[in-house]
Every structure is written in C-alpha cells, then in structure tokens.
Protein backbone atom coordinates (compact mmCIF):
# COMPACT_ATOMS: atom_id res chain seq x y z
CA MET A 1 173.52 40.94 113.00
CA LYS A 2 169.83 41.08 112.71
CA SER A 3 168.26 44.35 113.93
CA SER A 4 166.06 42.30 116.71
CA ASP A 5 169.60 40.74 118.41
CA SER A 6 169.44 41.48 121.79
CA THR A 7 173.17 41.19 121.93
CA TYR A 8 173.82 44.23 120.68
CA SER A 9 173.57 45.76 124.50
CA ILE A 10 175.83 48.16 126.48
CA CYS A 11 177.75 45.12 128.15
CA PHE A 12 178.64 43.57 124.15
CA LEU A 13 179.51 47.14 123.67
CA GLN A 14 181.77 47.45 126.64
CA LYS A 15 183.26 43.91 126.18
CA GLY A 16 184.44 45.15 122.58
CA PHE A 17 185.97 48.12 123.89
CA ARG A 18 188.09 46.57 126.58
CA GLU A 19 188.96 44.13 123.94
CA LYS A 20 189.50 46.73 121.38
CA ARG A 21 187.61 45.01 118.76
CA PHE A 22 185.87 48.47 117.85
CA THR A 23 186.49 52.00 119.37
CA PRO A 24 183.49 54.61 120.46
CA MET A 25 184.01 56.17 117.33
CA ASP A 26 183.70 53.49 115.23
CA VAL A 27 180.54 52.69 116.79
CA THR A 28 179.23 56.36 116.85
CA GLN A 29 179.89 56.61 113.00
CA HIS A 30 178.24 53.52 112.85
CA ALA A 31 175.39 54.99 114.77
CA LEU A 32 175.78 58.58 113.40
CA LYS A 33 175.32 56.85 109.32
CA GLN A 34 172.18 54.38 110.77
CA ALA A 35 170.54 57.23 112.70
CA ARG A 36 170.50 59.45 108.77
CA ALA A 37 169.27 56.34 107.11
CA HIS A 38 166.05 56.19 109.28
CA SER A 39 164.89 59.32 109.03
CA GLN A 40 160.89 58.07 110.52
CA ILE A 41 163.28 57.56 113.93
CA PHE A 42 165.45 60.01 114.44
CA THR A 43 164.00 63.74 113.75
CA GLN A 44 167.55 65.58 114.61
CA VAL A 45 171.08 64.06 114.38
CA CYS A 46 173.26 65.53 116.42
CA GLU A 47 176.52 64.86 114.51
CA LYS A 48 178.82 67.91 115.83
CA GLU A 49 178.45 66.70 118.87
CA ALA A 50 178.57 62.67 119.46
CA LEU A 51 181.65 62.58 116.68
CA LEU A 52 183.70 65.32 119.84
CA GLN A 53 181.99 63.28 122.44
CA ALA A 54 183.07 59.86 121.05
CA ASN A 55 186.58 60.83 120.17
CA GLU A 56 186.85 62.03 124.02
CA SER A 57 185.63 58.41 125.02
CA THR A 58 188.24 56.98 122.21
CA GLN A 59 190.80 58.60 124.00
CA ARG A 60 189.74 57.61 127.56
CA TRP A 61 189.39 53.78 126.57
CA ARG A 62 192.85 54.24 124.97
CA HIS A 63 194.41 55.50 127.95
CA GLY A 64 192.29 52.96 130.41
CA THR A 65 190.53 55.34 131.94
CA PRO A 66 186.58 54.92 131.06
CA ALA A 67 184.33 57.59 132.95
CA SER A 68 182.50 55.42 133.77
CA GLU A 69 179.91 52.00 132.31
CA LEU A 70 178.42 53.45 129.95
CA ASP A 71 181.32 55.45 128.30
CA GLY A 72 181.36 55.32 124.64
CA ILE A 73 177.63 53.51 124.42
CA PRO A 74 176.18 55.61 122.07
CA PHE A 75 171.91 56.45 122.70
CA ALA A 76 169.77 58.72 121.37
CA VAL A 77 166.23 60.24 123.31
CA LYS A 78 162.72 60.42 122.60
CA ASP A 79 162.05 64.84 120.98
CA LEU A 80 160.53 65.90 124.41
CA PHE A 81 163.74 66.28 125.93
CA ASP A 82 165.89 69.85 125.93
CA ILE A 83 169.13 69.37 124.07
CA LYS A 84 170.97 72.61 123.91
CA GLY A 85 171.17 74.20 120.34
CA TYR A 86 168.12 72.03 119.41
CA ALA A 87 164.45 72.44 118.87
CA THR A 88 162.45 70.49 120.86
CA THR A 89 159.80 69.34 118.25
CA ARG A 90 157.18 67.85 120.59
CA GLY A 91 156.95 65.66 117.31
CA SER A 92 155.31 68.84 115.98
CA THR A 93 156.03 71.30 113.28
CA LEU A 94 154.82 73.43 115.57
CA TYR A 95 157.99 73.90 117.75
CA SER A 96 161.30 75.46 115.82
CA ALA A 97 162.57 77.73 118.95
CA LEU A 98 165.83 76.15 119.79
CA SER A 99 166.64 75.13 123.62
CA ASP A 100 168.72 77.20 125.72
CA SER A 101 170.32 74.36 127.99
CA THR A 102 169.76 70.62 128.05
CA SER A 103 167.79 67.75 130.60
CA PRO A 104 169.06 66.95 133.16
CA GLN A 105 168.82 63.07 132.65
CA VAL A 106 170.52 63.74 128.95
CA LEU A 107 173.28 66.04 130.74
CA ALA A 108 174.16 63.32 133.48
CA LEU A 109 174.33 60.44 130.56
CA ILE A 110 176.88 62.11 128.09
CA GLU A 111 179.01 63.13 131.38
CA SER A 112 179.08 59.58 131.99
CA GLY A 113 180.71 59.37 128.91
CA ALA A 114 177.69 58.17 126.95
CA VAL A 115 177.17 59.63 123.26
CA LEU A 116 174.07 61.50 121.96
CA ILE A 117 173.65 60.34 118.54
CA GLY A 118 169.98 62.62 118.41
CA LYS A 119 166.44 62.80 118.63
CA THR A 120 163.68 60.70 118.38
CA ASN A 121 160.17 60.19 116.68
CA LEU A 122 157.12 60.00 118.06
CA SER A 123 153.41 60.45 117.90
CA GLU A 124 152.85 64.23 118.30
CA PHE A 125 152.80 65.87 121.79
CA ALA A 126 153.39 61.90 122.56
CA TYR A 127 149.79 61.88 122.94
CA SER A 128 148.86 58.56 121.20
CA GLY A 129 149.84 55.07 122.29
CA LEU A 130 150.19 53.87 118.33
CA GLY A 131 153.43 55.69 117.13
CA LEU A 132 151.87 57.16 113.60
CA ASN A 133 153.39 60.55 112.80
CA PRO A 134 152.73 62.01 109.30
CA HIS A 135 155.06 65.01 110.07
CA PHE A 136 158.27 63.10 110.33
CA GLY A 137 157.14 59.82 109.46
CA THR A 138 155.89 56.61 110.99
CA PRO A 139 158.00 53.81 112.15
CA THR A 140 157.46 50.54 111.37
CA GLN A 141 158.82 46.43 112.30
CA THR A 142 158.17 44.44 108.95
CA TYR A 143 156.96 39.98 110.02
CA ASN A 144 156.62 38.26 106.86
CA GLU A 145 156.26 40.98 104.53
CA ASN A 146 153.83 43.34 106.36
CA ALA A 147 154.33 46.38 107.97
CA TYR A 148 153.56 46.59 111.74
CA ILE A 149 153.44 50.09 113.88
CA THR A 150 156.22 49.85 116.71
CA GLY A 151 153.56 51.84 119.38
CA GLY A 152 154.20 55.13 121.19
CA SER A 153 154.07 57.31 121.91
CA SER A 154 158.14 56.18 122.03
CA CYS A 155 158.26 55.17 118.64
CA GLY A 156 161.39 56.25 117.49
CA SER A 157 163.17 55.31 121.03
CA ALA A 158 162.15 51.74 120.54
CA ALA A 159 162.54 51.47 116.55
CA ALA A 160 166.45 52.72 117.45
CA VAL A 161 166.78 50.51 119.77
CA LEU A 162 165.15 47.50 118.14
CA GLU A 163 167.37 48.18 114.64
CA ASN A 164 170.61 48.11 116.49
CA ILE A 165 171.43 52.23 116.10
CA VAL A 166 171.61 52.58 119.94
CA PRO A 167 171.47 50.22 122.49
CA PHE A 168 169.06 52.32 124.76
CA THR A 169 167.73 55.57 124.91
CA LEU A 170 165.30 57.32 126.40
CA GLY A 171 161.59 57.94 126.49
CA THR A 172 158.63 59.49 128.59
CA ASP A 173 155.60 57.59 129.73
CA THR A 174 152.45 59.06 130.43
CA ALA A 175 149.56 56.42 129.72
CA GLY A 176 152.31 53.60 128.72
CA SER A 177 154.18 55.57 125.91
CA ILE A 178 157.44 53.10 127.14
CA ARG A 179 155.83 49.78 127.96
CA ILE A 180 153.86 49.63 124.67
CA PRO A 181 156.59 49.84 122.45
CA SER A 182 158.72 48.24 123.99
CA SER A 183 155.85 45.16 124.17
CA TYR A 184 155.25 45.59 120.80
CA CYS A 185 158.79 45.26 119.75
CA GLY A 186 160.62 42.43 122.25
CA LEU A 187 162.36 45.13 124.30
CA VAL A 188 163.04 45.27 128.29
CA GLY A 189 161.02 48.74 128.87
CA PHE A 190 161.21 50.43 132.48
CA ARG A 191 158.78 53.41 133.45
CA ALA A 192 160.18 54.48 136.74
CA SER A 193 158.34 55.94 139.22
CA ARG A 194 156.93 59.73 138.79
CA LYS A 195 159.93 61.39 141.46
CA ARG A 196 162.77 58.55 140.67
CA PHE A 197 164.77 60.75 138.17
CA ASP A 198 164.83 64.49 137.52
CA ASN A 199 162.37 65.48 135.09
CA ARG A 200 163.46 69.10 134.15
CA GLY A 201 163.79 69.99 130.56
CA ILE A 202 161.42 67.84 129.31
CA ALA A 203 158.20 69.08 127.54
CA PRO A 204 155.00 68.09 128.99
CA LEU A 205 151.86 66.42 128.19
CA SER A 206 149.83 65.39 131.14
CA PRO A 207 152.19 66.90 134.43
CA SER A 208 150.75 64.98 137.10
CA LEU A 209 151.06 61.39 135.13
CA ASP A 210 154.51 62.33 133.20
CA THR A 211 157.74 60.08 133.87
CA THR A 212 160.50 59.43 131.99
CA GLY A 213 162.96 55.81 131.62
CA PRO A 214 164.70 53.56 129.19
CA ILE A 215 164.31 51.14 127.11
CA GLY A 216 166.99 48.62 125.95
CA HIS A 217 168.07 45.03 125.52
CA CYS A 218 168.13 43.62 128.73
CA VAL A 219 167.71 44.41 132.55
CA ASP A 220 170.98 44.50 132.76
CA ASP A 221 171.56 47.46 130.48
CA ILE A 222 168.36 49.34 131.83
CA LEU A 223 169.84 49.19 135.67
CA LEU A 224 173.29 50.59 134.19
CA VAL A 225 171.09 53.43 133.23
CA ASP A 226 169.00 53.54 136.12
CA SER A 227 172.34 54.16 138.42
CA VAL A 228 173.48 57.14 136.13
CA LEU A 229 169.51 58.62 135.94
CA TYR A 230 169.06 58.46 139.63
CA SER A 231 170.67 59.84 142.13
CA PRO A 232 168.73 59.18 145.80
CA THR A 233 168.63 62.63 148.04
CA GLU A 234 167.88 60.24 151.45
CA GLN A 235 168.59 56.54 151.95
CA PRO A 236 167.40 54.27 149.73
CA ALA A 237 164.48 52.40 150.17
CA ASP A 238 165.36 48.18 150.72
CA SER A 239 165.48 46.86 147.50
CA SER A 240 164.92 43.35 148.31
CA HIS A 241 161.37 41.94 147.38
CA SER A 242 158.99 40.18 149.00
CA GLY A 243 157.26 38.14 146.53
CA LEU A 244 154.96 38.11 143.56
CA VAL A 245 151.51 37.80 142.75
CA PHE A 246 149.25 37.72 140.05
CA ASP A 247 145.34 38.24 139.81
CA ALA A 248 144.11 34.87 137.79
CA GLN A 249 140.49 36.65 137.84
CA PHE A 250 141.61 39.95 136.53
CA CYS A 251 143.46 38.25 133.77
CA GLN A 252 141.17 35.72 133.08
CA GLN A 253 138.65 38.22 131.90
CA LEU A 254 140.92 40.14 129.75
CA PRO A 255 140.08 40.53 126.33
CA LEU A 256 143.77 39.22 125.66
CA ASP A 257 144.40 37.92 122.04
CA CYS A 258 145.12 33.68 121.82
CA ASP A 259 148.85 34.41 121.81
CA THR A 260 149.18 37.09 124.42
CA ARG A 261 147.54 34.91 126.70
CA ARG A 262 149.22 31.91 126.10
CA ALA A 263 152.82 33.76 126.52
CA PHE A 264 151.26 34.61 129.75
CA ASP A 265 150.47 31.54 131.21
CA LEU A 266 153.80 29.56 130.14
CA SER A 267 155.76 32.95 131.71
CA LEU A 268 153.94 31.72 135.46
CA ASP A 269 154.73 28.28 134.63
CA ALA A 270 158.41 29.17 133.34
CA LEU A 271 158.69 30.90 136.84
CA GLN A 272 157.01 28.25 139.09
CA ASN A 273 159.39 25.62 137.14
CA ALA A 274 162.27 27.86 138.23
CA GLY A 275 161.81 28.17 141.83
CA VAL A 276 159.68 31.42 141.70
CA ALA A 277 157.12 31.52 143.92
CA VAL A 278 154.36 33.48 141.87
CA GLU A 279 150.70 33.86 144.28
CA ASP A 280 147.11 34.08 143.16
CA VAL A 281 146.04 37.09 144.59
CA ARG A 282 142.71 39.40 144.63
CA LEU A 283 144.16 42.84 143.46
CA SER A 284 140.21 44.24 143.21
CA THR A 285 142.10 48.11 142.91
CA LEU A 286 143.50 46.79 139.14
CA ASP A 287 139.70 46.42 138.68
CA ALA A 288 138.56 49.52 140.17
CA THR A 289 141.32 51.59 138.38
CA LEU A 290 140.09 50.33 135.03
CA ASP A 291 136.32 51.26 135.57
CA LEU A 292 136.69 54.63 137.20
CA ILE A 293 139.20 55.37 133.56
CA LYS A 294 135.94 53.55 131.74
CA ASN A 295 133.41 55.45 134.01
CA ILE A 296 134.43 58.86 134.96
CA GLY A 297 137.30 59.52 132.28
CA TRP A 298 141.45 59.76 131.61
CA LEU A 299 143.22 62.47 134.07
CA GLY A 300 145.79 62.06 131.14
CA SER A 301 143.37 63.77 128.58
CA ILE A 302 141.95 66.16 130.75
CA GLU A 303 145.58 67.42 131.36
CA ALA A 304 146.61 67.20 128.05
CA TYR A 305 143.93 69.83 126.86
CA LEU A 306 145.19 72.15 129.63
CA THR A 307 148.88 71.94 128.08
CA TYR A 308 147.32 72.42 124.71
CA GLU A 309 144.87 74.78 125.71
CA ASP A 310 145.98 78.00 123.59
CA LEU A 311 146.78 75.39 120.68
CA VAL A 312 143.37 74.12 121.17
CA ASN A 313 141.60 77.56 120.16
CA THR A 314 143.53 78.55 117.69
CA ASP A 315 143.30 78.16 113.75
CA LYS A 316 147.24 76.30 114.51
CA LEU A 317 145.29 73.27 115.47
CA GLY A 318 145.20 72.54 111.70
CA GLN A 319 148.35 72.11 111.64
CA VAL A 320 148.28 68.93 114.18
CA ASP A 321 147.83 65.38 113.23
CA PRO A 322 143.96 65.02 113.00
CA LEU A 323 144.27 61.76 115.07
CA VAL A 324 145.51 63.95 118.18
CA ALA A 325 143.74 67.24 116.96
CA GLN A 326 139.93 65.11 117.19
CA ARG A 327 141.17 63.92 121.01
CA LEU A 328 142.98 67.17 122.01
CA ALA A 329 139.61 69.15 121.12
CA ALA A 330 137.03 66.02 123.03
CA SER A 331 139.48 66.40 126.14
CA ASN A 332 137.51 69.12 127.88
CA GLN A 333 134.65 67.37 128.39
CA LEU A 334 134.64 66.51 132.04
CA PRO A 335 132.93 68.51 134.65
CA ALA A 336 135.30 70.23 137.54
CA THR A 337 133.84 67.77 139.98
CA GLN A 338 134.23 64.91 138.39
CA ILE A 339 138.46 65.66 137.51
CA SER A 340 138.83 66.70 141.07
CA TYR A 341 137.27 63.28 141.89
CA LEU A 342 140.05 61.78 139.81
CA TYR A 343 143.13 63.24 141.86
CA GLN A 344 140.93 62.46 145.12
CA GLN A 345 140.54 58.56 144.33
CA ARG A 346 144.21 58.07 143.03
CA GLU A 347 145.34 58.48 146.46
CA LYS A 348 143.08 55.97 148.10
CA LEU A 349 143.70 53.61 144.88
CA GLN A 350 147.43 53.62 145.78
CA GLN A 351 146.93 52.71 149.36
CA ARG A 352 144.62 50.54 148.10
CA LEU A 353 146.73 48.63 146.01
CA SER A 354 149.41 48.99 148.55
CA ASN A 355 147.88 47.33 150.69
CA GLU A 356 146.84 44.68 148.76
CA LEU A 357 150.35 44.01 147.69
CA ALA A 358 152.08 43.92 151.33
CA GLY A 359 155.49 44.88 149.61
CA ARG A 360 155.33 42.72 146.61
CA ALA A 361 155.38 43.11 142.82
CA PHE A 362 152.42 41.64 140.19
CA LEU A 363 152.37 40.47 137.00
CA MET A 364 150.19 41.19 134.02
CA PRO A 365 150.63 40.82 129.96
CA THR A 366 151.84 44.50 129.11
CA THR A 367 148.97 45.32 126.40
CA LEU A 368 146.27 42.81 124.95
CA THR A 369 147.44 41.86 122.01
CA THR A 370 150.84 41.87 119.80
CA ALA A 371 151.41 45.20 117.51
CA PRO A 372 148.64 45.80 115.11
CA LEU A 373 149.17 45.99 111.31
CA LEU A 374 149.82 49.78 110.03
CA SER A 375 147.22 49.19 107.62
CA GLN A 376 144.60 48.15 110.36
CA VAL A 377 145.58 51.52 112.38
CA THR A 378 145.26 53.90 110.03
CA GLN A 379 141.92 52.27 108.29
CA SER A 380 139.83 54.40 109.80
CA VAL A 381 139.87 57.16 112.59
CA GLU A 382 137.58 55.06 114.10
CA SER A 383 139.94 51.89 113.86
CA PHE A 384 142.67 54.23 115.04
CA ASN A 385 140.80 55.27 118.21
CA GLU A 386 139.71 51.50 119.24
CA HIS A 387 143.69 50.76 118.52
CA ASN A 388 144.29 52.80 120.75
CA ILE A 389 142.60 52.09 123.78
CA ASN A 390 143.40 48.58 123.18
CA ALA A 391 147.13 49.48 123.67
CA LEU A 392 147.10 51.50 126.29
CA ARG A 393 144.68 49.79 128.42
CA LEU A 394 146.79 47.92 130.47
CA THR A 395 149.53 49.99 131.52
CA MET A 396 147.41 53.05 132.06
CA ILE A 397 146.45 51.34 135.33
CA GLY A 398 150.06 51.55 136.55
CA SER A 399 150.38 55.10 135.50
CA TYR A 400 147.09 56.22 137.03
CA LEU A 401 148.85 54.32 140.22
CA ASP A 402 152.13 55.80 139.25
CA CYS A 403 153.41 51.96 139.48
CA PRO A 404 156.94 51.63 138.43
CA GLY A 405 157.38 49.12 135.88
CA ILE A 406 159.13 47.00 133.39
CA ALA A 407 157.99 44.93 130.32
CA LEU A 408 159.88 41.95 129.50
CA PRO A 409 159.52 39.62 125.84
CA ASN A 410 158.32 36.50 126.62
CA GLY A 411 156.91 35.22 123.31
CA TYR A 412 156.55 35.05 120.06
CA ASN A 413 152.80 34.72 117.91
CA SER A 414 152.89 32.61 115.17
CA ASN A 415 154.17 35.36 112.32
CA GLY A 416 157.00 36.02 114.92
CA LEU A 417 155.59 39.12 116.92
CA PRO A 418 156.98 39.38 120.43
CA THR A 419 154.48 39.53 123.74
CA SER A 420 155.28 40.98 126.78
CA LEU A 421 155.13 40.16 130.68
CA LEU A 422 154.78 43.31 132.54
CA LEU A 423 155.99 43.52 136.05
CA SER A 424 154.91 46.50 138.24
CA GLN A 425 155.30 47.39 141.36
CA CYS A 426 153.78 50.14 143.87
CA SER A 427 155.06 53.42 143.31
CA GLY A 428 158.67 54.54 145.09
CA ASN A 429 159.41 50.69 144.59
CA ASP A 430 161.46 51.22 141.97
CA ASP A 431 164.91 49.68 143.25
CA ALA A 432 162.61 46.26 144.45
CA LEU A 433 161.41 45.85 141.05
CA ILE A 434 164.32 46.36 138.91
CA SER A 435 165.82 43.78 141.55
CA LEU A 436 163.02 41.46 140.64
CA ALA A 437 162.96 41.98 137.01
CA LYS A 438 166.75 40.47 137.13
CA THR A 439 165.71 37.86 139.49
CA ILE A 440 163.36 36.58 137.40
CA GLU A 441 164.54 37.88 133.83
CA PRO A 442 166.61 34.65 132.84
CA ALA A 443 163.23 32.31 133.71
CA ILE A 444 161.57 34.47 131.04
CA ALA A 445 164.20 34.58 128.69
CA SER A 446 163.79 31.20 128.02
CA LEU A 447 160.49 30.95 126.69
CA LEU A 448 162.26 33.15 123.80
CA ILE A 449 165.21 30.87 123.12
CA LYS A 450 162.48 27.57 123.03
CA GLN A 451 160.14 29.56 120.94
CA SER A 452 160.83 29.33 116.88
CA LYS A 453 160.42 33.16 115.86
CA GLY A 454 159.64 32.83 112.62
CA ASN A 455 160.20 36.07 111.34
CA ASN A 456 161.43 37.70 108.62
CA HIS A 457 161.86 41.32 109.99
CA GLY A 458 163.59 44.37 108.01
C-alpha cells in the first residue's frame, strides 16, 4: 500500500476488524513499529499504553462488543496535547516536565476505544506554517526524488497520516496549522470553531485564536472523530446547508500558482457538473480582513509574544529555533491602541461576513501554492519568512474570523504534489460545514481519480 493511499482509513480498519482479517493488536503493533522508525514524525511513542489499549480492544472485538466505531483505531496527537506521564514538549527542548493529566479530547478518544500511538512533531511552539524543527527533525514528503515540506505547524500530525502510520491525528490550528499541512499533503483537515471542543490540557500559543481538529483521509473519518469530540451542551444548530458561494474577484487577484488556480477552476466546474450550485458572490470581508492583517498586524503574533514573554526576555531564547525566536522577539511592536483595534474589528468583520454569506458556505484555495521544496524554505531567513507568509495568507482569514474550515484535496501539479480546496463557514456552523463537505467530496474526489499523480512518493 502506498504511503499516500487514502484507503488506509478508519472505515478500512473497521471493515478489517469485522471480517477478522486483522485485529487491533495487529494494527497497533504495525503503527508502533512505524512510529519508532519515523523519529522526525513522532516526538514520543506511548508503546506500553498502546499495547494495553490494543489488547483490550482486541478482546472487545473478539466478543463482538466494540465500544464505538473508533474502537481499535490507532491515532496520534500533536505534542501540544497533555498526556499523563509524558512531557508536552511543544516541539522544544525546554519543556520536559511530565503532565499529571490527559487532555479531555485525548481522553474522550481513548474512552471510545481508539488506541493512542504517540505524540507528533511540530514547528517549535507551533509558531510557523512550514513545519520545520531543528530539535526533532523536519518531516518531509518526497516527489521525484526531491524533498518537500509537509507544512505546519502540525507537520508530524499530517505526516503520520500521509505515511499510513495512523488513519487520523489531532492537530491544532491558530493561523492555519491543520489546513496548511492537509493542503500540502493531500489530506482532509478540519479546523473546528474555537468553542466546539473542550480545549483544556493543550499548550497555548494564541489563546483567542487557538483551536483544534482532526486530520484524516476522508470526510467520513473526520465526522467519526468529531462525533466523539463534540458534546453539545445545548440544542445543536441546524446542520442543513443553504448554499455554496465563492468570490471570483477575490480569487482572481490572489497570487496563486498556475496549478492551484487550475485545480480551483476545475473544482468549480466539477461541482456544477455534479448539480451542486456554486454562486459567485462578492465577499468584501475577505479583502478587508487581509488588508487589516497586512496594514495593522496579526493578532496571533501579539498573543504568541505574551504567551512566551518570560522566555523571550531570558537567555533561554538562545535554545529556541532561531527562525521561531526571531519571530517571537519581533512580535511586541504593536501599540496598545492597535491591539485593541484588532479585537474590536474582529467582531465587526465576523458580523459582516455573516451578513454576506446569509448561512451559506464559501470556497477558496487552501494555500496559494503547492508544498515548496525544503531547500527553498531553508535557503535563508528571508526565504523562510516569505514562504511562511505565503503559506498562512489564506488560512489566516478564517482563523481571525473563527471560521470552521475543511481542507479537501482537489488535484495534483505536474510533479504529483497535491492542491487543495478550502470550504469554510461562519463561526459555530460546524455541523453544516461537515454536512456540506460530505456532499461535495465525491465531485471533488473525481478530479483526483481523473488526474495522473505522476509522483514517486517515498
């Protein structure tokens, strides 16, 4: 099975368990072996716990009493989630204290019968959209013998799914850290609205922007994980969707590479041909948000500085990835009046987008380009900063406005690198978003079947 083979899904493993072709223990042992062999993807492997969980799951399946649809399914989490008895490293060498409790999200998955394999690598402190890490190594994907980045900051979470070590992972997303690696790796990634899941027990970066979500191979898998993590405390919102739009003017002015633009146009055609109405609607909020970020500043940078202020002002900053350290140190330059303005404008722009969408979802490319070469990104500090801004440019819009978003693979470039389509909704409309993603996925997936991958992924 190829590393990029999307059949290694939750549904695939469930079917194998039911047909007794393999057991949760078989799958877990394979995942543990692969996790140990990919130290640049996994920062820590929870072998003892995983084997115990797999044994219990195997017994349940043997007796025909699986705990849930996730029973026996291996998974991994970004090393920002607390796991009792393990350090939450944040992708850094500075955090070695063992956690005394487990994040509620991780606990919910374990209680559903899912088997935790370990913790995945990330950009240090989750403060980059590129997924480089000098301490634990940088996960890459190989096409035509060239190493490309997986994207970040949830680089290990995406790579673990891409390499079929596990069928799903949990990541975090502050400015695009689930959607970007999903885009670069040809995976499905879900950035949930900030209040959808219980976000306790997760190391912060930017508290007013941080959120989480799963990365997997298909929308069905995302839905299964979401059903375990989401426990509504009130009557769920109407999950029906009332339409789909895109802003042709906004998309036309974006500096997309030619393959990304072509894939986006083909996606619109495929949806129309499948009977899915996609309306061209002017969404001025998108331009206004980009202009605000460019001209005033990024709220996440300010909050990241405040999160790590004590570290920035000590000699420990010298132990941090220089590319991260320079960004943190430069993040305290906005006057208080402008910071306050960013908070005020967020609410106004959220309401403005809600008025423009009128309940509908909207489409755009997930990233401006396909994954860049590792050699390009690491060429210089200037090159890193330029690629980082480009990676984050489109996903930052949804992050600032707290738009739930799902990245869907929608094509390949001539080298076999994936392109991606981003489906988003207004904050809180996650159920409608997932429902719509499931509706349009077959039409988008048909593009993947028609296109020749022409890759040599290793």
